[in-house]
């Protein structure tokens, strides 16, 4: 996954996209980033959201979770994953 910056044609206005492993935009993230743009958030704010949502989507992928079915325990696991993503694999902690 990656965060990609683009420039709208005929302007210098930046747009941010989060691409999946096949380099396709992740639709729920794109809709939210578009919403942030439509309510006037700055490009820097949108960039920050894009990077953080990419991390969340990587956690979902690694844990084989559906973003529509997240609960508080899984959000807690995401916070732990942020601290050390290499020790957390597929919904459980790996002892190194």
PDB file of N, CA and C in Angstrom:
ATOM      1  N   UNK A   1       0.839  -1.181   0.000  1.00  0.00           N
ATOM      2  CA  UNK A   1       0.000   0.000   0.000  1.00  0.00           C
ATOM      3  C   UNK A   1       0.879   1.236   0.000  1.00  0.00           C
ATOM      4  N   UNK A   2       0.314   2.287  -0.542  1.00  0.00           N
ATOM      5  CA  UNK A   2       1.072   3.534  -0.548  1.00  0.00           C
ATOM      6  C   UNK A   2       0.139   4.728  -0.614  1.00  0.00           C
ATOM      7  N   UNK A   3       0.655   5.851  -0.146  1.00  0.00           N
ATOM      8  CA  UNK A   3      -0.038   7.137  -0.265  1.00  0.00           C
ATOM      9  C   UNK A   3       0.564   7.837  -1.468  1.00  0.00           C
ATOM     10  N   UNK A   4      -0.307   8.316  -2.342  1.00  0.00           N
ATOM     11  CA  UNK A   4       0.148   8.954  -3.574  1.00  0.00           C
ATOM     12  C   UNK A   4      -0.418  10.366  -3.662  1.00  0.00           C
ATOM     13  N   UNK A   5       0.461  11.295  -3.982  1.00  0.00           N
ATOM     14  CA  UNK A   5       0.040  12.682  -4.198  1.00  0.00           C
ATOM     15  C   UNK A   5      -0.187  12.906  -5.683  1.00  0.00           C
ATOM     16  N   UNK A   6      -1.228  13.645  -5.997  1.00  0.00           N
ATOM     17  CA  UNK A   6      -1.501  14.028  -7.377  1.00  0.00           C
ATOM     18  C   UNK A   6      -1.815  15.512  -7.439  1.00  0.00           C
ATOM     19  N   UNK A   7      -1.821  16.041  -8.612  1.00  0.00           N
ATOM     20  CA  UNK A   7      -2.171  17.445  -8.834  1.00  0.00           C
ATOM     21  C   UNK A   7      -3.341  17.467  -9.811  1.00  0.00           C
ATOM     22  N   UNK A   8      -4.392  18.218  -9.455  1.00  0.00           N
ATOM     23  CA  UNK A   8      -5.537  18.331 -10.357  1.00  0.00           C
ATOM     24  C   UNK A   8      -5.121  19.052 -11.630  1.00  0.00           C
ATOM     25  N   UNK A   9      -5.628  18.589 -12.782  1.00  0.00           N
ATOM     26  CA  UNK A   9      -5.290  19.251 -14.045  1.00  0.00           C
ATOM     27  C   UNK A   9      -5.681  20.740 -14.014  1.00  0.00           C
ATOM     28  N   UNK A  10      -4.878  21.557 -14.659  1.00  0.00           N
ATOM     29  CA  UNK A  10      -5.117  23.003 -14.773  1.00  0.00           C
ATOM     30  C   UNK A  10      -5.099  23.723 -13.434  1.00  0.00           C
ATOM     31  N   UNK A  11      -4.427  23.146 -12.430  1.00  0.00           N
ATOM     32  CA  UNK A  11      -4.303  23.826 -11.138  1.00  0.00           C
ATOM     33  C   UNK A  11      -3.057  23.309 -10.433  1.00  0.00           C
ATOM     34  N   UNK A  12      -2.740  23.938  -9.343  1.00  0.00           N
ATOM     35  CA  UNK A  12      -1.637  23.464  -8.506  1.00  0.00           C
ATOM     36  C   UNK A  12      -2.175  22.804  -7.252  1.00  0.00           C
ATOM     37  N   UNK A  13      -3.464  22.454  -7.247  1.00  0.00           N
ATOM     38  CA  UNK A  13      -4.113  21.927  -6.049  1.00  0.00           C
ATOM     39  C   UNK A  13      -3.777  20.442  -5.868  1.00  0.00           C
ATOM     40  N   UNK A  14      -3.181  20.082  -4.707  1.00  0.00           N
ATOM     41  CA  UNK A  14      -2.811  18.680  -4.487  1.00  0.00           C
ATOM     42  C   UNK A  14      -4.009  17.834  -4.050  1.00  0.00           C
ATOM     43  N   UNK A  15      -4.001  16.588  -4.471  1.00  0.00           N
ATOM     44  CA  UNK A  15      -4.971  15.601  -3.999  1.00  0.00           C
ATOM     45  C   UNK A  15      -4.173  14.399  -3.498  1.00  0.00           C
ATOM     46  N   UNK A  16      -4.738  13.706  -2.514  1.00  0.00           N
ATOM     47  CA  UNK A  16      -4.063  12.553  -1.915  1.00  0.00           C
ATOM     48  C   UNK A  16      -4.905  11.314  -2.110  1.00  0.00           C
ATOM     49  N   UNK A  17      -4.225  10.205  -2.412  1.00  0.00           N
ATOM     50  CA  UNK A  17      -4.917   8.931  -2.598  1.00  0.00           C
ATOM     51  C   UNK A  17      -4.165   7.860  -1.818  1.00  0.00           C
ATOM     52  N   UNK A  18      -4.918   6.879  -1.313  1.00  0.00           N
ATOM     53  CA  UNK A  18      -4.311   5.703  -0.694  1.00  0.00           C
ATOM     54  C   UNK A  18      -4.582   4.544  -1.637  1.00  0.00           C
ATOM     55  N   UNK A  19      -3.494   3.910  -2.085  1.00  0.00           N
ATOM     56  CA  UNK A  19      -3.587   2.834  -3.062  1.00  0.00           C
ATOM     57  C   UNK A  19      -3.336   1.490  -2.390  1.00  0.00           C
ATOM     58  N   UNK A  20      -4.085   0.472  -2.817  1.00  0.00           N
ATOM     59  CA  UNK A  20      -3.903  -0.865  -2.255  1.00  0.00           C
ATOM     60  C   UNK A  20      -2.690  -1.548  -2.890  1.00  0.00           C
ATOM     61  N   UNK A  21      -2.511  -2.817  -2.602  1.00  0.00           N
ATOM     62  CA  UNK A  21      -1.349  -3.549  -3.111  1.00  0.00           C
ATOM     63  C   UNK A  21      -1.364  -3.707  -4.632  1.00  0.00           C
ATOM     64  N   UNK A  22      -2.519  -3.540  -5.249  1.00  0.00           N
ATOM     65  CA  UNK A  22      -2.634  -3.587  -6.712  1.00  0.00           C
ATOM     66  C   UNK A  22      -2.620  -2.185  -7.318  1.00  0.00           C
ATOM     67  N   UNK A  23      -2.271  -1.173  -6.515  1.00  0.00           N
ATOM     68  CA  UNK A  23      -2.204   0.234  -6.927  1.00  0.00           C
ATOM     69  C   UNK A  23      -3.548   0.796  -7.356  1.00  0.00           C
ATOM     70  N   UNK A  24      -4.617   0.292  -6.732  1.00  0.00           N
ATOM     71  CA  UNK A  24      -5.956   0.818  -6.961  1.00  0.00           C
ATOM     72  C   UNK A  24      -6.380   1.621  -5.738  1.00  0.00           C
ATOM     73  N   UNK A  25      -7.129   2.712  -5.938  1.00  0.00           N
ATOM     74  CA  UNK A  25      -7.584   3.505  -4.783  1.00  0.00           C
ATOM     75  C   UNK A  25      -8.486   2.670  -3.864  1.00  0.00           C
ATOM     76  N   UNK A  26      -8.324   2.866  -2.576  1.00  0.00           N
ATOM     77  CA  UNK A  26      -9.177   2.205  -1.585  1.00  0.00           C
ATOM     78  C   UNK A  26     -10.403   3.091  -1.407  1.00  0.00           C
ATOM     79  N   UNK A  27     -11.535   2.617  -1.892  1.00  0.00           N
ATOM     80  CA  UNK A  27     -12.736   3.438  -2.019  1.00  0.00           C
ATOM     81  C   UNK A  27     -13.197   4.095  -0.717  1.00  0.00           C
ATOM     82  N   UNK A  28     -13.332   3.360   0.408  1.00  0.00           N
ATOM     83  CA  UNK A  28     -13.799   4.035   1.627  1.00  0.00           C
ATOM     84  C   UNK A  28     -12.861   5.158   2.085  1.00  0.00           C
ATOM     85  N   UNK A  29     -11.568   4.940   1.917  1.00  0.00           N
ATOM     86  CA  UNK A  29     -10.603   5.992   2.300  1.00  0.00           C
ATOM     87  C   UNK A  29     -10.743   7.175   1.360  1.00  0.00           C
ATOM     88  N   UNK A  30     -10.863   6.926   0.072  1.00  0.00           N
ATOM     89  CA  UNK A  30     -10.985   8.011  -0.895  1.00  0.00           C
ATOM     90  C   UNK A  30     -12.232   8.840  -0.656  1.00  0.00           C
ATOM     91  N   UNK A  31     -13.319   8.178  -0.308  1.00  0.00           N
ATOM     92  CA  UNK A  31     -14.551   8.919  -0.015  1.00  0.00           C
ATOM     93  C   UNK A  31     -14.347   9.840   1.183  1.00  0.00           C
ATOM     94  N   UNK A  32     -13.657   9.340   2.208  1.00  0.00           N
ATOM     95  CA  UNK A  32     -13.430  10.168   3.394  1.00  0.00           C
ATOM     96  C   UNK A  32     -12.475  11.323   3.085  1.00  0.00           C
ATOM     97  N   UNK A  33     -11.427  11.061   2.335  1.00  0.00           N
ATOM     98  CA  UNK A  33     -10.500  12.144   1.973  1.00  0.00           C
ATOM     99  C   UNK A  33     -11.211  13.196   1.123  1.00  0.00           C
ATOM    100  N   UNK A  34     -12.088  12.758   0.237  1.00  0.00           N
ATOM    101  CA  UNK A  34     -12.880  13.698  -0.569  1.00  0.00           C
ATOM    102  C   UNK A  34     -13.798  14.529   0.334  1.00  0.00           C
ATOM    103  N   UNK A  35     -14.397  13.878   1.327  1.00  0.00           N
ATOM    104  CA  UNK A  35     -15.242  14.609   2.281  1.00  0.00           C
ATOM    105  C   UNK A  35     -14.424  15.681   3.004  1.00  0.00           C
ATOM    106  N   UNK A  36     -13.229  15.313   3.480  1.00  0.00           N
ATOM    107  CA  UNK A  36     -12.391  16.299   4.171  1.00  0.00           C
ATOM    108  C   UNK A  36     -12.096  17.494   3.270  1.00  0.00           C
ATOM    109  N   UNK A  37     -11.833  17.221   1.991  1.00  0.00           N
ATOM    110  CA  UNK A  37     -11.578  18.295   1.042  1.00  0.00           C
ATOM    111  C   UNK A  37     -12.823  19.163   0.856  1.00  0.00           C
ATOM    112  N   UNK A  38     -13.990  18.513   0.772  1.00  0.00           N
ATOM    113  CA  UNK A  38     -15.234  19.257   0.520  1.00  0.00           C
ATOM    114  C   UNK A  38     -15.638  20.158   1.682  1.00  0.00           C
ATOM    115  N   UNK A  39     -15.181  19.832   2.907  1.00  0.00           N
ATOM    116  CA  UNK A  39     -15.500  20.692   4.053  1.00  0.00           C
ATOM    117  C   UNK A  39     -14.366  21.673   4.355  1.00  0.00           C
ATOM    118  N   UNK A  40     -13.398  21.753   3.433  1.00  0.00           N
ATOM    119  CA  UNK A  40     -12.390  22.801   3.517  1.00  0.00           C
ATOM    120  C   UNK A  40     -11.161  22.497   4.347  1.00  0.00           C
ATOM    121  N   UNK A  41     -10.885  21.228   4.614  1.00  0.00           N
ATOM    122  CA  UNK A  41      -9.662  20.900   5.362  1.00  0.00           C
ATOM    123  C   UNK A  41      -8.453  21.185   4.478  1.00  0.00           C
ATOM    124  N   UNK A  42      -7.355  21.535   5.104  1.00  0.00           N
ATOM    125  CA  UNK A  42      -6.157  21.891   4.344  1.00  0.00           C
ATOM    126  C   UNK A  42      -5.536  20.646   3.715  1.00  0.00           C
ATOM    127  N   UNK A  43      -4.803  20.828   2.622  1.00  0.00           N
ATOM    128  CA  UNK A  43      -4.122  19.690   2.007  1.00  0.00           C
ATOM    129  C   UNK A  43      -3.178  18.970   2.979  1.00  0.00           C
ATOM    130  N   UNK A  44      -2.540  19.709   3.882  1.00  0.00           N
ATOM    131  CA  UNK A  44      -1.658  19.066   4.862  1.00  0.00           C
ATOM    132  C   UNK A  44      -2.439  18.165   5.814  1.00  0.00           C
ATOM    133  N   UNK A  45      -3.621  18.596   6.227  1.00  0.00           N
ATOM    134  CA  UNK A  45      -4.474  17.778   7.085  1.00  0.00           C
ATOM    135  C   UNK A  45      -4.904  16.518   6.350  1.00  0.00           C
ATOM    136  N   UNK A  46      -5.289  16.669   5.098  1.00  0.00           N
ATOM    137  CA  UNK A  46      -5.729  15.523   4.296  1.00  0.00           C
ATOM    138  C   UNK A  46      -4.569  14.550   4.097  1.00  0.00           C
ATOM    139  N   UNK A  47      -3.371  15.070   3.883  1.00  0.00           N
ATOM    140  CA  UNK A  47      -2.186  14.213   3.741  1.00  0.00           C
ATOM    141  C   UNK A  47      -1.956  13.393   5.011  1.00  0.00           C
ATOM    142  N   UNK A  48      -2.087  14.026   6.162  1.00  0.00           N
ATOM    143  CA  UNK A  48      -1.900  13.326   7.435  1.00  0.00           C
ATOM    144  C   UNK A  48      -2.942  12.225   7.601  1.00  0.00           C
ATOM    145  N   UNK A  49      -4.190  12.534   7.310  1.00  0.00           N
ATOM    146  CA  UNK A  49      -5.245  11.514   7.377  1.00  0.00           C
ATOM    147  C   UNK A  49      -4.939  10.364   6.421  1.00  0.00           C
ATOM    148  N   UNK A  50      -4.479  10.670   5.222  1.00  0.00           N
ATOM    149  CA  UNK A  50      -4.181   9.626   4.238  1.00  0.00           C
ATOM    150  C   UNK A  50      -3.123   8.664   4.774  1.00  0.00           C
ATOM    151  N   UNK A  51      -2.055   9.194   5.362  1.00  0.00           N
ATOM    152  CA  UNK A  51      -0.990   8.339   5.903  1.00  0.00           C
ATOM    153  C   UNK A  51      -1.493   7.492   7.075  1.00  0.00           C
ATOM    154  N   UNK A  52      -2.287   8.097   7.945  1.00  0.00           N
ATOM    155  CA  UNK A  52      -2.803   7.341   9.098  1.00  0.00           C
ATOM    156  C   UNK A  52      -3.817   6.279   8.675  1.00  0.00           C
ATOM    157  N   UNK A  53      -4.664   6.593   7.708  1.00  0.00           N
ATOM    158  CA  UNK A  53      -5.625   5.604   7.223  1.00  0.00           C
ATOM    159  C   UNK A  53      -4.931   4.468   6.480  1.00  0.00           C
ATOM    160  N   UNK A  54      -3.830   4.765   5.822  1.00  0.00           N
ATOM    161  CA  UNK A  54      -3.035   3.708   5.183  1.00  0.00           C
ATOM    162  C   UNK A  54      -2.537   2.731   6.240  1.00  0.00           C
ATOM    163  N   UNK A  55      -2.033   3.249   7.354  1.00  0.00           N
ATOM    164  CA  UNK A  55      -1.579   2.370   8.433  1.00  0.00           C
ATOM    165  C   UNK A  55      -2.723   1.510   8.965  1.00  0.00           C
ATOM    166  N   UNK A  56      -3.896   2.101   9.129  1.00  0.00           N
ATOM    167  CA  UNK A  56      -5.047   1.345   9.618  1.00  0.00           C
ATOM    168  C   UNK A  56      -5.422   0.244   8.627  1.00  0.00           C
ATOM    169  N   UNK A  57      -5.383   0.566   7.335  1.00  0.00           N
ATOM    170  CA  UNK A  57      -5.747  -0.428   6.320  1.00  0.00           C
ATOM    171  C   UNK A  57      -4.716  -1.559   6.277  1.00  0.00           C
ATOM    172  N   UNK A  58      -3.437  -1.244   6.513  1.00  0.00           N
ATOM    173  CA  UNK A  58      -2.419  -2.290   6.582  1.00  0.00           C
ATOM    174  C   UNK A  58      -2.682  -3.222   7.769  1.00  0.00           C
ATOM    175  N   UNK A  59      -3.066  -2.648   8.893  1.00  0.00           N
ATOM    176  CA  UNK A  59      -3.428  -3.463  10.060  1.00  0.00           C
ATOM    177  C   UNK A  59      -4.598  -4.377   9.723  1.00  0.00           C
ATOM    178  N   UNK A  60      -5.623  -3.826   9.078  1.00  0.00           N
ATOM    179  CA  UNK A  60      -6.780  -4.643   8.701  1.00  0.00           C
ATOM    180  C   UNK A  60      -6.353  -5.784   7.784  1.00  0.00           C
ATOM    181  N   UNK A  61      -5.526  -5.472   6.820  1.00  0.00           N
ATOM    182  CA  UNK A  61      -5.046  -6.499   5.882  1.00  0.00           C
ATOM    183  C   UNK A  61      -4.255  -7.579   6.613  1.00  0.00           C
ATOM    184  N   UNK A  62      -3.311  -7.167   7.447  1.00  0.00           N
ATOM    185  CA  UNK A  62      -2.464  -8.125   8.164  1.00  0.00           C
ATOM    186  C   UNK A  62      -3.266  -8.983   9.136  1.00  0.00           C
ATOM    187  N   UNK A  63      -4.320  -8.397   9.700  1.00  0.00           N
ATOM    188  CA  UNK A  63      -5.142  -9.113  10.674  1.00  0.00           C
ATOM    189  C   UNK A  63      -6.325  -9.824  10.027  1.00  0.00           C
ATOM    190  N   UNK A  64      -6.456  -9.659   8.703  1.00  0.00           N
ATOM    191  CA  UNK A  64      -7.567 -10.255   7.947  1.00  0.00           C
ATOM    192  C   UNK A  64      -8.916  -9.848   8.529  1.00  0.00           C
ATOM    193  N   UNK A  65      -9.076  -8.536   8.746  1.00  0.00           N
ATOM    194  CA  UNK A  65     -10.308  -7.980   9.306  1.00  0.00           C
ATOM    195  C   UNK A  65     -11.029  -7.141   8.255  1.00  0.00           C
ATOM    196  N   UNK A  66     -12.342  -7.081   8.396  1.00  0.00           N
ATOM    197  CA  UNK A  66     -13.174  -6.234   7.551  1.00  0.00           C
ATOM    198  C   UNK A  66     -13.387  -4.907   8.290  1.00  0.00           C
ATOM    199  N   UNK A  67     -13.169  -3.800   7.616  1.00  0.00           N
ATOM    200  CA  UNK A  67     -13.266  -2.494   8.283  1.00  0.00           C
ATOM    201  C   UNK A  67     -14.671  -2.212   8.797  1.00  0.00           C
ATOM    202  N   UNK A  68     -15.677  -2.869   8.250  1.00  0.00           N
ATOM    203  CA  UNK A  68     -17.056  -2.651   8.696  1.00  0.00           C
ATOM    204  C   UNK A  68     -17.393  -3.421   9.975  1.00  0.00           C
ATOM    205  N   UNK A  69     -16.506  -4.297  10.416  1.00  0.00           N
ATOM    206  CA  UNK A  69     -16.789  -5.151  11.565  1.00  0.00           C
ATOM    207  C   UNK A  69     -15.809  -4.942  12.720  1.00  0.00           C
ATOM    208  N   UNK A  70     -15.204  -3.784  12.815  1.00  0.00           N
ATOM    209  CA  UNK A  70     -14.220  -3.503  13.858  1.00  0.00           C
ATOM    210  C   UNK A  70     -14.922  -3.237  15.183  1.00  0.00           C
ATOM    211  N   UNK A  71     -14.364  -3.797  16.273  1.00  0.00           N
ATOM    212  CA  UNK A  71     -14.893  -3.527  17.610  1.00  0.00           C
ATOM    213  C   UNK A  71     -13.792  -2.879  18.464  1.00  0.00           C
ATOM    214  N   UNK A  72     -14.105  -2.583  19.710  1.00  0.00           N
ATOM    215  CA  UNK A  72     -13.152  -1.890  20.580  1.00  0.00           C
ATOM    216  C   UNK A  72     -11.886  -2.704  20.824  1.00  0.00           C
ATOM    217  N   UNK A  73     -12.018  -4.010  20.952  1.00  0.00           N
ATOM    218  CA  UNK A  73     -10.838  -4.855  21.170  1.00  0.00           C
ATOM    219  C   UNK A  73      -9.889  -4.772  19.971  1.00  0.00           C
ATOM    220  N   UNK A  74     -10.459  -4.789  18.773  1.00  0.00           N
ATOM    221  CA  UNK A  74      -9.623  -4.704  17.579  1.00  0.00           C
ATOM    222  C   UNK A  74      -8.985  -3.323  17.435  1.00  0.00           C
ATOM    223  N   UNK A  75      -9.694  -2.281  17.864  1.00  0.00           N
ATOM    224  CA  UNK A  75      -9.081  -0.945  17.865  1.00  0.00           C
ATOM    225  C   UNK A  75      -7.913  -0.889  18.834  1.00  0.00           C
ATOM    226  N   UNK A  76      -8.071  -1.539  19.978  1.00  0.00           N
ATOM    227  CA  UNK A  76      -6.977  -1.627  20.949  1.00  0.00           C
ATOM    228  C   UNK A  76      -5.791  -2.377  20.344  1.00  0.00           C
ATOM    229  N   UNK A  77      -6.079  -3.464  19.620  1.00  0.00           N
ATOM    230  CA  UNK A  77      -5.012  -4.212  18.948  1.00  0.00           C
ATOM    231  C   UNK A  77      -4.306  -3.347  17.909  1.00  0.00           C
ATOM    232  N   UNK A  78      -5.054  -2.477  17.246  1.00  0.00           N
ATOM    233  CA  UNK A  78      -4.453  -1.567  16.268  1.00  0.00           C
ATOM    234  C   UNK A  78      -3.447  -0.636  16.945  1.00  0.00           C
ATOM    235  N   UNK A  79      -3.789  -0.121  18.099  1.00  0.00           N
ATOM    236  CA  UNK A  79      -2.869   0.757  18.833  1.00  0.00           C
ATOM    237  C   UNK A  79      -1.591   0.007  19.188  1.00  0.00           C
ATOM    238  N   UNK A  80      -1.736  -1.244  19.638  1.00  0.00           N
ATOM    239  CA  UNK A  80      -0.551  -2.067  19.932  1.00  0.00           C
ATOM    240  C   UNK A  80       0.245  -2.331  18.656  1.00  0.00           C
ATOM    241  N   UNK A  81      -0.446  -2.575  17.564  1.00  0.00           N
ATOM    242  CA  UNK A  81       0.213  -2.816  16.278  1.00  0.00           C
ATOM    243  C   UNK A  81       1.016  -1.582  15.842  1.00  0.00           C
ATOM    244  N   UNK A  82       0.464  -0.397  16.088  1.00  0.00           N
ATOM    245  CA  UNK A  82       1.195   0.827  15.737  1.00  0.00           C
ATOM    246  C   UNK A  82       2.522   0.916  16.475  1.00  0.00           C
ATOM    247  N   UNK A  83       2.534   0.441  17.699  1.00  0.00           N
ATOM    248  CA  UNK A  83       3.760   0.491  18.499  1.00  0.00           C
ATOM    249  C   UNK A  83       4.812  -0.480  17.988  1.00  0.00           C
ATOM    250  N   UNK A  84       4.381  -1.623  17.464  1.00  0.00           N
ATOM    251  CA  UNK A  84       5.324  -2.597  16.930  1.00  0.00           C
ATOM    252  C   UNK A  84       4.625  -3.520  15.929  1.00  0.00           C
ATOM    253  N   UNK A  85       4.501  -3.093  14.674  1.00  0.00           N
ATOM    254  CA  UNK A  85       3.752  -3.881  13.688  1.00  0.00           C
ATOM    255  C   UNK A  85       4.388  -5.228  13.359  1.00  0.00           C
ATOM    256  N   UNK A  86       5.690  -5.385  13.570  1.00  0.00           N
ATOM    257  CA  UNK A  86       6.350  -6.637  13.222  1.00  0.00           C
ATOM    258  C   UNK A  86       6.043  -7.776  14.193  1.00  0.00           C
ATOM    259  N   UNK A  87       5.606  -7.452  15.399  1.00  0.00           N
ATOM    260  CA  UNK A  87       5.310  -8.492  16.380  1.00  0.00           C
ATOM    261  C   UNK A  87       3.858  -8.936  16.348  1.00  0.00           C
ATOM    262  N   UNK A  88       3.029  -8.267  15.571  1.00  0.00           N
ATOM    263  CA  UNK A  88       1.601  -8.569  15.528  1.00  0.00           C
ATOM    264  C   UNK A  88       1.253  -9.113  14.154  1.00  0.00           C
ATOM    265  N   UNK A  89       0.842 -10.366  14.109  1.00  0.00           N
ATOM    266  CA  UNK A  89       0.508 -10.984  12.824  1.00  0.00           C
ATOM    267  C   UNK A  89      -0.817 -11.715  12.920  1.00  0.00           C
ATOM    268  N   UNK A  90      -1.704 -11.430  11.981  1.00  0.00           N
ATOM    269  CA  UNK A  90      -2.947 -12.159  11.795  1.00  0.00           C
ATOM    270  C   UNK A  90      -3.745 -12.327  13.086  1.00  0.00           C
ATOM    271  N   UNK A  91      -3.942 -11.241  13.785  1.00  0.00           N
ATOM    272  CA  UNK A  91      -4.831 -11.265  14.943  1.00  0.00           C
ATOM    273  C   UNK A  91      -4.199 -11.748  16.234  1.00  0.00           C
ATOM    274  N   UNK A  92      -2.895 -11.879  16.271  1.00  0.00           N
ATOM    275  CA  UNK A  92      -2.259 -12.330  17.512  1.00  0.00           C
ATOM    276  C   UNK A  92      -0.826 -11.863  17.602  1.00  0.00           C
ATOM    277  N   UNK A  93      -0.274 -11.924  18.786  1.00  0.00           N
ATOM    278  CA  UNK A  93       1.091 -11.468  19.027  1.00  0.00           C
ATOM    279  C   UNK A  93       2.059 -12.610  18.783  1.00  0.00           C
ATOM    280  N   UNK A  94       3.164 -12.288  18.147  1.00  0.00           N
ATOM    281  CA  UNK A  94       4.214 -13.262  17.861  1.00  0.00           C
ATOM    282  C   UNK A  94       5.346 -13.026  18.833  1.00  0.00           C
ATOM    283  N   UNK A  95       5.819 -14.087  19.463  1.00  0.00           N
ATOM    284  CA  UNK A  95       6.949 -13.960  20.378  1.00  0.00           C
ATOM    285  C   UNK A  95       8.241 -14.118  19.577  1.00  0.00           C
ATOM    286  N   UNK A  96       9.107 -13.168  19.759  1.00  0.00           N
ATOM    287  CA  UNK A  96      10.370 -13.217  19.028  1.00  0.00           C
ATOM    288  C   UNK A  96      11.489 -13.692  19.921  1.00  0.00           C
TER     289      UNK A  96
END
